[in-house]
Amino acid sequence: MATPKDYRDFVLEQLSLLENITCKSMMGEYLLYYNNILFGGVYDDRLLIKIVDSNKKYNMIESIPYDGAKPMYLVDDIDNQETLKEIVIETCKDLSHK
């Protein structure tokens, strides 16, 4: 099931505290980048973030974005923009060191 554009727009609005967020369409879903680092995406009306050591402290549940994919963390408190900003920044710091 493809994610509607209005939900993508909602997610981007929630990420608006961050500069340099980009979004790329991929087979009906959306990949999300911060400072050109792929950190997650919007899959079936869910914001999912890559699992790294620094974001484990947020106690998010694992979810599979699509069949055959690695698990990612589901951001269920998408309305908390400050926490969402922290999660993205910390996730990208870890990803940039890999």
PDB file of N, CA and C in Angstrom:
ATOM      1  N   MET A   1       0.847  -1.182   0.000  1.00  0.00           N
ATOM      2  CA  MET A   1       0.000   0.000   0.000  1.00  0.00           C
ATOM      3  C   MET A   1       0.893   1.247   0.000  1.00  0.00           C
ATOM      4  N   ALA A   2       0.698   2.114  -0.913  1.00  0.00           N
ATOM      5  CA  ALA A   2       1.498   3.332  -1.031  1.00  0.00           C
ATOM      6  C   ALA A   2       1.058   4.364   0.008  1.00  0.00           C
ATOM      7  N   THR A   3       2.021   5.126   0.469  1.00  0.00           N
ATOM      8  CA  THR A   3       1.749   6.202   1.422  1.00  0.00           C
ATOM      9  C   THR A   3       1.242   7.420   0.662  1.00  0.00           C
ATOM     10  N   PRO A   4       0.114   7.996   1.080  1.00  0.00           N
ATOM     11  CA  PRO A   4      -0.389   9.190   0.399  1.00  0.00           C
ATOM     12  C   PRO A   4       0.507  10.404   0.615  1.00  0.00           C
ATOM     13  N   LYS A   5       0.487  11.304  -0.354  1.00  0.00           N
ATOM     14  CA  LYS A   5       1.335  12.496  -0.282  1.00  0.00           C
ATOM     15  C   LYS A   5       0.999  13.381   0.913  1.00  0.00           C
ATOM     16  N   ASP A   6      -0.247  13.396   1.337  1.00  0.00           N
ATOM     17  CA  ASP A   6      -0.591  14.247   2.480  1.00  0.00           C
ATOM     18  C   ASP A   6       0.063  13.738   3.769  1.00  0.00           C
ATOM     19  N   TYR A   7       0.243  12.422   3.899  1.00  0.00           N
ATOM     20  CA  TYR A   7       0.951  11.918   5.076  1.00  0.00           C
ATOM     21  C   TYR A   7       2.447  12.228   4.969  1.00  0.00           C
ATOM     22  N   ARG A   8       2.999  12.099   3.771  1.00  0.00           N
ATOM     23  CA  ARG A   8       4.401  12.492   3.559  1.00  0.00           C
ATOM     24  C   ARG A   8       4.589  13.949   3.954  1.00  0.00           C
ATOM     25  N   ASP A   9       3.679  14.814   3.530  1.00  0.00           N
ATOM     26  CA  ASP A   9       3.765  16.239   3.855  1.00  0.00           C
ATOM     27  C   ASP A   9       3.675  16.468   5.364  1.00  0.00           C
ATOM     28  N   PHE A  10       2.838  15.691   6.040  1.00  0.00           N
ATOM     29  CA  PHE A  10       2.724  15.793   7.496  1.00  0.00           C
ATOM     30  C   PHE A  10       4.054  15.425   8.155  1.00  0.00           C
ATOM     31  N   VAL A  11       4.676  14.343   7.717  1.00  0.00           N
ATOM     32  CA  VAL A  11       5.965  13.925   8.275  1.00  0.00           C
ATOM     33  C   VAL A  11       7.014  15.007   8.036  1.00  0.00           C
ATOM     34  N   LEU A  12       7.050  15.554   6.833  1.00  0.00           N
ATOM     35  CA  LEU A  12       8.024  16.612   6.539  1.00  0.00           C
ATOM     36  C   LEU A  12       7.785  17.844   7.403  1.00  0.00           C
ATOM     37  N   GLU A  13       6.538  18.156   7.686  1.00  0.00           N
ATOM     38  CA  GLU A  13       6.220  19.278   8.565  1.00  0.00           C
ATOM     39  C   GLU A  13       6.728  18.994   9.980  1.00  0.00           C
ATOM     40  N   GLN A  14       6.584  17.761  10.448  1.00  0.00           N
ATOM     41  CA  GLN A  14       7.066  17.400  11.774  1.00  0.00           C
ATOM     42  C   GLN A  14       8.593  17.473  11.851  1.00  0.00           C
ATOM     43  N   LEU A  15       9.253  17.296  10.715  1.00  0.00           N
ATOM     44  CA  LEU A  15      10.716  17.370  10.652  1.00  0.00           C
ATOM     45  C   LEU A  15      11.219  18.784  10.359  1.00  0.00           C
ATOM     46  N   SER A  16      10.331  19.754  10.353  1.00  0.00           N
ATOM     47  CA  SER A  16      10.684  21.109   9.916  1.00  0.00           C
ATOM     48  C   SER A  16      11.653  21.833  10.852  1.00  0.00           C
ATOM     49  N   LEU A  17      11.894  21.321  12.052  1.00  0.00           N
ATOM     50  CA  LEU A  17      12.894  21.932  12.931  1.00  0.00           C
ATOM     51  C   LEU A  17      14.307  21.669  12.428  1.00  0.00           C
ATOM     52  N   LEU A  18      14.435  20.737  11.512  1.00  0.00           N
ATOM     53  CA  LEU A  18      15.732  20.393  10.929  1.00  0.00           C
ATOM     54  C   LEU A  18      15.872  21.026   9.552  1.00  0.00           C
ATOM     55  N   GLU A  19      17.028  21.599   9.303  1.00  0.00           N
ATOM     56  CA  GLU A  19      17.311  22.091   7.953  1.00  0.00           C
ATOM     57  C   GLU A  19      17.915  20.946   7.159  1.00  0.00           C
ATOM     58  N   ASN A  20      17.889  21.056   5.869  1.00  0.00           N
ATOM     59  CA  ASN A  20      18.525  20.072   4.987  1.00  0.00           C
ATOM     60  C   ASN A  20      17.869  18.700   5.004  1.00  0.00           C
ATOM     61  N   ILE A  21      16.562  18.648   5.235  1.00  0.00           N
ATOM     62  CA  ILE A  21      15.814  17.397   5.081  1.00  0.00           C
ATOM     63  C   ILE A  21      15.384  17.300   3.626  1.00  0.00           C
ATOM     64  N   THR A  22      15.647  16.165   3.020  1.00  0.00           N
ATOM     65  CA  THR A  22      15.165  15.919   1.666  1.00  0.00           C
ATOM     66  C   THR A  22      14.402  14.604   1.652  1.00  0.00           C
ATOM     67  N   CYS A  23      13.547  14.487   0.672  1.00  0.00           N
ATOM     68  CA  CYS A  23      12.656  13.345   0.556  1.00  0.00           C
ATOM     69  C   CYS A  23      12.660  12.888  -0.897  1.00  0.00           C
ATOM     70  N   LYS A  24      12.834  11.586  -1.096  1.00  0.00           N
ATOM     71  CA  LYS A  24      12.813  11.024  -2.441  1.00  0.00           C
ATOM     72  C   LYS A  24      11.759   9.945  -2.519  1.00  0.00           C
ATOM     73  N   SER A  25      10.961  10.001  -3.570  1.00  0.00           N
ATOM     74  CA  SER A  25       9.927   8.995  -3.788  1.00  0.00           C
ATOM     75  C   SER A  25      10.568   7.693  -4.261  1.00  0.00           C
ATOM     76  N   MET A  26      10.080   6.581  -3.689  1.00  0.00           N
ATOM     77  CA  MET A  26      10.607   5.275  -4.070  1.00  0.00           C
ATOM     78  C   MET A  26       9.466   4.258  -4.037  1.00  0.00           C
ATOM     79  N   MET A  27       8.966   3.905  -5.206  1.00  0.00           N
ATOM     80  CA  MET A  27       7.943   2.868  -5.348  1.00  0.00           C
ATOM     81  C   MET A  27       6.740   3.097  -4.421  1.00  0.00           C
ATOM     82  N   GLY A  28       6.221   4.295  -4.380  1.00  0.00           N
ATOM     83  CA  GLY A  28       5.039   4.610  -3.586  1.00  0.00           C
ATOM     84  C   GLY A  28       5.326   4.974  -2.141  1.00  0.00           C
ATOM     85  N   GLU A  29       6.576   4.883  -1.745  1.00  0.00           N
ATOM     86  CA  GLU A  29       6.983   5.251  -0.390  1.00  0.00           C
ATOM     87  C   GLU A  29       8.009   6.374  -0.499  1.00  0.00           C
ATOM     88  N   TYR A  30       8.583   6.799   0.639  1.00  0.00           N
ATOM     89  CA  TYR A  30       9.463   7.961   0.627  1.00  0.00           C
ATOM     90  C   TYR A  30      10.705   7.723   1.485  1.00  0.00           C
ATOM     91  N   LEU A  31      11.856   7.976   0.895  1.00  0.00           N
ATOM     92  CA  LEU A  31      13.122   7.892   1.619  1.00  0.00           C
ATOM     93  C   LEU A  31      13.453   9.272   2.182  1.00  0.00           C
ATOM     94  N   LEU A  32      13.956   9.303   3.406  1.00  0.00           N
ATOM     95  CA  LEU A  32      14.253  10.570   4.070  1.00  0.00           C
ATOM     96  C   LEU A  32      15.745  10.711   4.332  1.00  0.00           C
ATOM     97  N   TYR A  33      16.257  11.896   4.038  1.00  0.00           N
ATOM     98  CA  TYR A  33      17.675  12.207   4.186  1.00  0.00           C
ATOM     99  C   TYR A  33      17.825  13.457   5.035  1.00  0.00           C
ATOM    100  N   TYR A  34      18.873  13.464   5.858  1.00  0.00           N
ATOM    101  CA  TYR A  34      19.266  14.656   6.598  1.00  0.00           C
ATOM    102  C   TYR A  34      20.734  14.892   6.291  1.00  0.00           C
ATOM    103  N   ASN A  35      21.034  16.063   5.740  1.00  0.00           N
ATOM    104  CA  ASN A  35      22.400  16.383   5.295  1.00  0.00           C
ATOM    105  C   ASN A  35      22.956  15.275   4.385  1.00  0.00           C
ATOM    106  N   ASN A  36      22.108  14.819   3.480  1.00  0.00           N
ATOM    107  CA  ASN A  36      22.448  13.790   2.486  1.00  0.00           C
ATOM    108  C   ASN A  36      22.711  12.413   3.079  1.00  0.00           C
ATOM    109  N   ILE A  37      22.307  12.175   4.311  1.00  0.00           N
ATOM    110  CA  ILE A  37      22.444  10.859   4.938  1.00  0.00           C
ATOM    111  C   ILE A  37      21.054  10.221   5.010  1.00  0.00           C
ATOM    112  N   LEU A  38      20.911   9.059   4.402  1.00  0.00           N
ATOM    113  CA  LEU A  38      19.652   8.327   4.456  1.00  0.00           C
ATOM    114  C   LEU A  38      19.455   7.797   5.875  1.00  0.00           C
ATOM    115  N   PHE A  39      18.433   8.305   6.555  1.00  0.00           N
ATOM    116  CA  PHE A  39      18.215   7.901   7.945  1.00  0.00           C
ATOM    117  C   PHE A  39      16.929   7.124   8.145  1.00  0.00           C
ATOM    118  N   GLY A  40      16.034   7.148   7.186  1.00  0.00           N
ATOM    119  CA  GLY A  40      14.765   6.456   7.361  1.00  0.00           C
ATOM    120  C   GLY A  40      13.839   6.700   6.197  1.00  0.00           C
ATOM    121  N   GLY A  41      12.565   6.471   6.460  1.00  0.00           N
ATOM    122  CA  GLY A  41      11.597   6.661   5.396  1.00  0.00           C
ATOM    123  C   GLY A  41      10.175   6.581   5.913  1.00  0.00           C
ATOM    124  N   VAL A  42       9.269   6.854   5.006  1.00  0.00           N
ATOM    125  CA  VAL A  42       7.844   6.750   5.294  1.00  0.00           C
ATOM    126  C   VAL A  42       7.331   5.551   4.497  1.00  0.00           C
ATOM    127  N   TYR A  43       6.869   4.543   5.228  1.00  0.00           N
ATOM    128  CA  TYR A  43       6.416   3.291   4.645  1.00  0.00           C
ATOM    129  C   TYR A  43       5.032   2.964   5.195  1.00  0.00           C
ATOM    130  N   ASP A  44       4.063   2.807   4.317  1.00  0.00           N
ATOM    131  CA  ASP A  44       2.698   2.453   4.735  1.00  0.00           C
ATOM    132  C   ASP A  44       2.205   3.341   5.877  1.00  0.00           C
ATOM    133  N   ASP A  45       2.328   4.631   5.692  1.00  0.00           N
ATOM    134  CA  ASP A  45       1.867   5.620   6.675  1.00  0.00           C
ATOM    135  C   ASP A  45       2.572   5.492   8.029  1.00  0.00           C
ATOM    136  N   ARG A  46       3.839   5.114   8.003  1.00  0.00           N
ATOM    137  CA  ARG A  46       4.633   4.992   9.233  1.00  0.00           C
ATOM    138  C   ARG A  46       5.989   5.634   8.996  1.00  0.00           C
ATOM    139  N   LEU A  47       6.462   6.386   9.997  1.00  0.00           N
ATOM    140  CA  LEU A  47       7.812   6.937   9.954  1.00  0.00           C
ATOM    141  C   LEU A  47       8.740   5.918  10.596  1.00  0.00           C
ATOM    142  N   LEU A  48       9.680   5.400   9.808  1.00  0.00           N
ATOM    143  CA  LEU A  48      10.640   4.418  10.290  1.00  0.00           C
ATOM    144  C   LEU A  48      12.050   4.989  10.187  1.00  0.00           C
ATOM    145  N   ILE A  49      12.857   4.691  11.208  1.00  0.00           N
ATOM    146  CA  ILE A  49      14.221   5.206  11.324  1.00  0.00           C
ATOM    147  C   ILE A  49      15.176   4.015  11.391  1.00  0.00           C
ATOM    148  N   LYS A  50      16.331   4.147  10.755  1.00  0.00           N
ATOM    149  CA  LYS A  50      17.335   3.087  10.830  1.00  0.00           C
ATOM    150  C   LYS A  50      17.752   2.855  12.286  1.00  0.00           C
ATOM    151  N   ILE A  51      18.050   1.614  12.604  1.00  0.00           N
ATOM    152  CA  ILE A  51      18.481   1.258  13.955  1.00  0.00           C
ATOM    153  C   ILE A  51      19.989   1.457  14.081  1.00  0.00           C
ATOM    154  N   VAL A  52      20.376   2.297  15.037  1.00  0.00           N
ATOM    155  CA  VAL A  52      21.792   2.523  15.373  1.00  0.00           C
ATOM    156  C   VAL A  52      21.901   2.540  16.896  1.00  0.00           C
ATOM    157  N   ASP A  53      23.117   2.451  17.402  1.00  0.00           N
ATOM    158  CA  ASP A  53      23.319   2.399  18.856  1.00  0.00           C
ATOM    159  C   ASP A  53      22.728   3.604  19.581  1.00  0.00           C
ATOM    160  N   SER A  54      22.908   4.785  19.011  1.00  0.00           N
ATOM    161  CA  SER A  54      22.500   6.001  19.734  1.00  0.00           C
ATOM    162  C   SER A  54      20.991   6.187  19.842  1.00  0.00           C
ATOM    163  N   ASN A  55      20.198   5.555  18.981  1.00  0.00           N
ATOM    164  CA  ASN A  55      18.751   5.771  19.084  1.00  0.00           C
ATOM    165  C   ASN A  55      18.030   4.652  19.838  1.00  0.00           C
ATOM    166  N   LYS A  56      18.776   3.686  20.354  1.00  0.00           N
ATOM    167  CA  LYS A  56      18.160   2.603  21.131  1.00  0.00           C
ATOM    168  C   LYS A  56      17.565   3.119  22.439  1.00  0.00           C
ATOM    169  N   LYS A  57      18.105   4.209  22.956  1.00  0.00           N
ATOM    170  CA  LYS A  57      17.631   4.746  24.245  1.00  0.00           C
ATOM    171  C   LYS A  57      16.205   5.283  24.183  1.00  0.00           C
ATOM    172  N   TYR A  58      15.672   5.477  22.987  1.00  0.00           N
ATOM    173  CA  TYR A  58      14.312   6.001  22.848  1.00  0.00           C
ATOM    174  C   TYR A  58      13.249   4.908  22.955  1.00  0.00           C
ATOM    175  N   ASN A  59      13.684   3.665  23.095  1.00  0.00           N
ATOM    176  CA  ASN A  59      12.770   2.535  23.301  1.00  0.00           C
ATOM    177  C   ASN A  59      11.662   2.436  22.249  1.00  0.00           C
ATOM    178  N   MET A  60      12.034   2.624  21.008  1.00  0.00           N
ATOM    179  CA  MET A  60      11.074   2.479  19.919  1.00  0.00           C
ATOM    180  C   MET A  60      10.957   1.001  19.564  1.00  0.00           C
ATOM    181  N   ILE A  61       9.824   0.633  19.003  1.00  0.00           N
ATOM    182  CA  ILE A  61       9.635  -0.766  18.627  1.00  0.00           C
ATOM    183  C   ILE A  61      10.148  -0.993  17.206  1.00  0.00           C
ATOM    184  N   GLU A  62      10.612  -2.209  16.968  1.00  0.00           N
ATOM    185  CA  GLU A  62      11.089  -2.564  15.640  1.00  0.00           C
ATOM    186  C   GLU A  62       9.909  -2.849  14.721  1.00  0.00           C
ATOM    187  N   SER A  63      10.083  -2.493  13.472  1.00  0.00           N
ATOM    188  CA  SER A  63       9.063  -2.726  12.462  1.00  0.00           C
ATOM    189  C   SER A  63       9.768  -3.001  11.138  1.00  0.00           C
ATOM    190  N   ILE A  64       9.128  -3.781  10.299  1.00  0.00           N
ATOM    191  CA  ILE A  64       9.678  -4.104   8.988  1.00  0.00           C
ATOM    192  C   ILE A  64       9.033  -3.165   7.963  1.00  0.00           C
ATOM    193  N   PRO A  65       9.842  -2.403   7.218  1.00  0.00           N
ATOM    194  CA  PRO A  65       9.254  -1.458   6.258  1.00  0.00           C
ATOM    195  C   PRO A  65       8.540  -2.144   5.084  1.00  0.00           C
ATOM    196  N   TYR A  66       9.103  -3.258   4.611  1.00  0.00           N
ATOM    197  CA  TYR A  66       8.515  -4.018   3.510  1.00  0.00           C
ATOM    198  C   TYR A  66       9.121  -5.415   3.538  1.00  0.00           C
ATOM    199  N   ASP A  67       8.504  -6.350   2.855  1.00  0.00           N
ATOM    200  CA  ASP A  67       8.974  -7.734   2.852  1.00  0.00           C
ATOM    201  C   ASP A  67      10.430  -7.827   2.436  1.00  0.00           C
ATOM    202  N   GLY A  68      11.209  -8.547   3.230  1.00  0.00           N
ATOM    203  CA  GLY A  68      12.611  -8.765   2.918  1.00  0.00           C
ATOM    204  C   GLY A  68      13.556  -7.685   3.411  1.00  0.00           C
ATOM    205  N   ALA A  69      13.032  -6.637   4.031  1.00  0.00           N
ATOM    206  CA  ALA A  69      13.876  -5.527   4.506  1.00  0.00           C
ATOM    207  C   ALA A  69      14.350  -5.779   5.935  1.00  0.00           C
ATOM    208  N   LYS A  70      15.429  -5.098   6.299  1.00  0.00           N
ATOM    209  CA  LYS A  70      15.923  -5.145   7.677  1.00  0.00           C
ATOM    210  C   LYS A  70      14.951  -4.383   8.571  1.00  0.00           C
ATOM    211  N   PRO A  71      14.863  -4.786   9.837  1.00  0.00           N
ATOM    212  CA  PRO A  71      13.998  -4.043  10.761  1.00  0.00           C
ATOM    213  C   PRO A  71      14.485  -2.600  10.933  1.00  0.00           C
ATOM    214  N   MET A  72      13.537  -1.733  11.220  1.00  0.00           N
ATOM    215  CA  MET A  72      13.813  -0.333  11.519  1.00  0.00           C
ATOM    216  C   MET A  72      13.002   0.012  12.761  1.00  0.00           C
ATOM    217  N   TYR A  73      13.259   1.181  13.326  1.00  0.00           N
ATOM    218  CA  TYR A  73      12.468   1.630  14.468  1.00  0.00           C
ATOM    219  C   TYR A  73      11.271   2.446  13.990  1.00  0.00           C
ATOM    220  N   LEU A  74      10.135   2.173  14.596  1.00  0.00           N
ATOM    221  CA  LEU A  74       8.913   2.922  14.338  1.00  0.00           C
ATOM    222  C   LEU A  74       8.864   4.122  15.273  1.00  0.00           C
ATOM    223  N   VAL A  75       8.742   5.308  14.703  1.00  0.00           N
ATOM    224  CA  VAL A  75       8.587   6.526  15.511  1.00  0.00           C
ATOM    225  C   VAL A  75       7.092   6.706  15.735  1.00  0.00           C
ATOM    226  N   ASP A  76       6.649   6.362  16.939  1.00  0.00           N
ATOM    227  CA  ASP A  76       5.211   6.461  17.200  1.00  0.00           C
ATOM    228  C   ASP A  76       4.808   7.787  17.827  1.00  0.00           C
ATOM    229  N   ASP A  77       5.775   8.551  18.332  1.00  0.00           N
ATOM    230  CA  ASP A  77       5.485   9.876  18.903  1.00  0.00           C
ATOM    231  C   ASP A  77       5.934  10.955  17.912  1.00  0.00           C
ATOM    232  N   ILE A  78       5.372  10.900  16.728  1.00  0.00           N
ATOM    233  CA  ILE A  78       5.779  11.810  15.656  1.00  0.00           C
ATOM    234  C   ILE A  78       5.387  13.262  15.946  1.00  0.00           C
ATOM    235  N   ASP A  79       4.448  13.472  16.872  1.00  0.00           N
ATOM    236  CA  ASP A  79       4.007  14.834  17.191  1.00  0.00           C
ATOM    237  C   ASP A  79       5.006  15.600  18.050  1.00  0.00           C
ATOM    238  N   ASN A  80       5.942  14.905  18.682  1.00  0.00           N
ATOM    239  CA  ASN A  80       6.944  15.561  19.520  1.00  0.00           C
ATOM    240  C   ASN A  80       8.130  15.954  18.639  1.00  0.00           C
ATOM    241  N   GLN A  81       8.075  17.164  18.102  1.00  0.00           N
ATOM    242  CA  GLN A  81       9.083  17.613  17.138  1.00  0.00           C
ATOM    243  C   GLN A  81      10.478  17.700  17.733  1.00  0.00           C
ATOM    244  N   GLU A  82      10.602  18.093  18.986  1.00  0.00           N
ATOM    245  CA  GLU A  82      11.923  18.208  19.613  1.00  0.00           C
ATOM    246  C   GLU A  82      12.592  16.838  19.739  1.00  0.00           C
ATOM    247  N   THR A  83      11.840  15.850  20.203  1.00  0.00           N
ATOM    248  CA  THR A  83      12.391  14.502  20.323  1.00  0.00           C
ATOM    249  C   THR A  83      12.704  13.936  18.946  1.00  0.00           C
ATOM    250  N   LEU A  84      11.833  14.170  17.999  1.00  0.00           N
ATOM    251  CA  LEU A  84      12.056  13.695  16.630  1.00  0.00           C
ATOM    252  C   LEU A  84      13.351  14.292  16.069  1.00  0.00           C
ATOM    253  N   LYS A  85      13.566  15.557  16.319  1.00  0.00           N
ATOM    254  CA  LYS A  85      14.802  16.225  15.873  1.00  0.00           C
ATOM    255  C   LYS A  85      16.021  15.544  16.495  1.00  0.00           C
ATOM    256  N   GLU A  86      15.978  15.281  17.795  1.00  0.00           N
ATOM    257  CA  GLU A  86      17.086  14.612  18.476  1.00  0.00           C
ATOM    258  C   GLU A  86      17.354  13.230  17.883  1.00  0.00           C
ATOM    259  N   ILE A  87      16.285  12.476  17.651  1.00  0.00           N
ATOM    260  CA  ILE A  87      16.427  11.126  17.105  1.00  0.00           C
ATOM    261  C   ILE A  87      17.124  11.176  15.750  1.00  0.00           C
ATOM    262  N   VAL A  88      16.700  12.075  14.888  1.00  0.00           N
ATOM    263  CA  VAL A  88      17.281  12.171  13.544  1.00  0.00           C
ATOM    264  C   VAL A  88      18.751  12.587  13.623  1.00  0.00           C
ATOM    265  N   ILE A  89      19.055  13.587  14.416  1.00  0.00           N
ATOM    266  CA  ILE A  89      20.443  14.066  14.530  1.00  0.00           C
ATOM    267  C   ILE A  89      21.348  12.957  15.063  1.00  0.00           C
ATOM    268  N   GLU A  90      20.931  12.289  16.128  1.00  0.00           N
ATOM    269  CA  GLU A  90      21.749  11.227  16.709  1.00  0.00           C
ATOM    270  C   GLU A  90      21.905  10.045  15.751  1.00  0.00           C
ATOM    271  N   THR A  91      20.827   9.696  15.066  1.00  0.00           N
ATOM    272  CA  THR A  91      20.881   8.598  14.101  1.00  0.00           C
ATOM    273  C   THR A  91      21.864   8.919  12.988  1.00  0.00           C
ATOM    274  N   CYS A  92      21.806  10.126  12.461  1.00  0.00           N
ATOM    275  CA  CYS A  92      22.701  10.502  11.357  1.00  0.00           C
ATOM    276  C   CYS A  92      24.156  10.610  11.803  1.00  0.00           C
ATOM    277  N   LYS A  93      24.388  11.026  13.045  1.00  0.00           N
ATOM    278  CA  LYS A  93      25.765  11.043  13.554  1.00  0.00           C
ATOM    279  C   LYS A  93      26.336   9.638  13.540  1.00  0.00           C
ATOM    280  N   ASP A  94      25.565   8.669  14.021  1.00  0.00           N
ATOM    281  CA  ASP A  94      26.029   7.277  14.003  1.00  0.00           C
ATOM    282  C   ASP A  94      26.227   6.764  12.569  1.00  0.00           C
ATOM    283  N   LEU A  95      25.294   7.080  11.704  1.00  0.00           N
ATOM    284  CA  LEU A  95      25.378   6.606  10.314  1.00  0.00           C
ATOM    285  C   LEU A  95      26.561   7.214   9.581  1.00  0.00           C
ATOM    286  N   SER A  96      26.919   8.446   9.915  1.00  0.00           N
ATOM    287  CA  SER A  96      28.037   9.095   9.215  1.00  0.00           C
ATOM    288  C   SER A  96      29.386   8.518   9.618  1.00  0.00           C
ATOM    289  N   HIS A  97      29.425   7.765  10.711  1.00  0.00           N
ATOM    290  CA  HIS A  97      30.671   7.170  11.191  1.00  0.00           C
ATOM    291  C   HIS A  97      30.841   5.735  10.722  1.00  0.00           C
ATOM    292  N   LYS A  98      29.905   5.267   9.921  1.00  0.00           N
ATOM    293  CA  LYS A  98      30.003   3.880   9.427  1.00  0.00           C
ATOM    294  C   LYS A  98      30.703   3.839   8.101  1.00  0.00           C
TER     295      LYS A  98
END
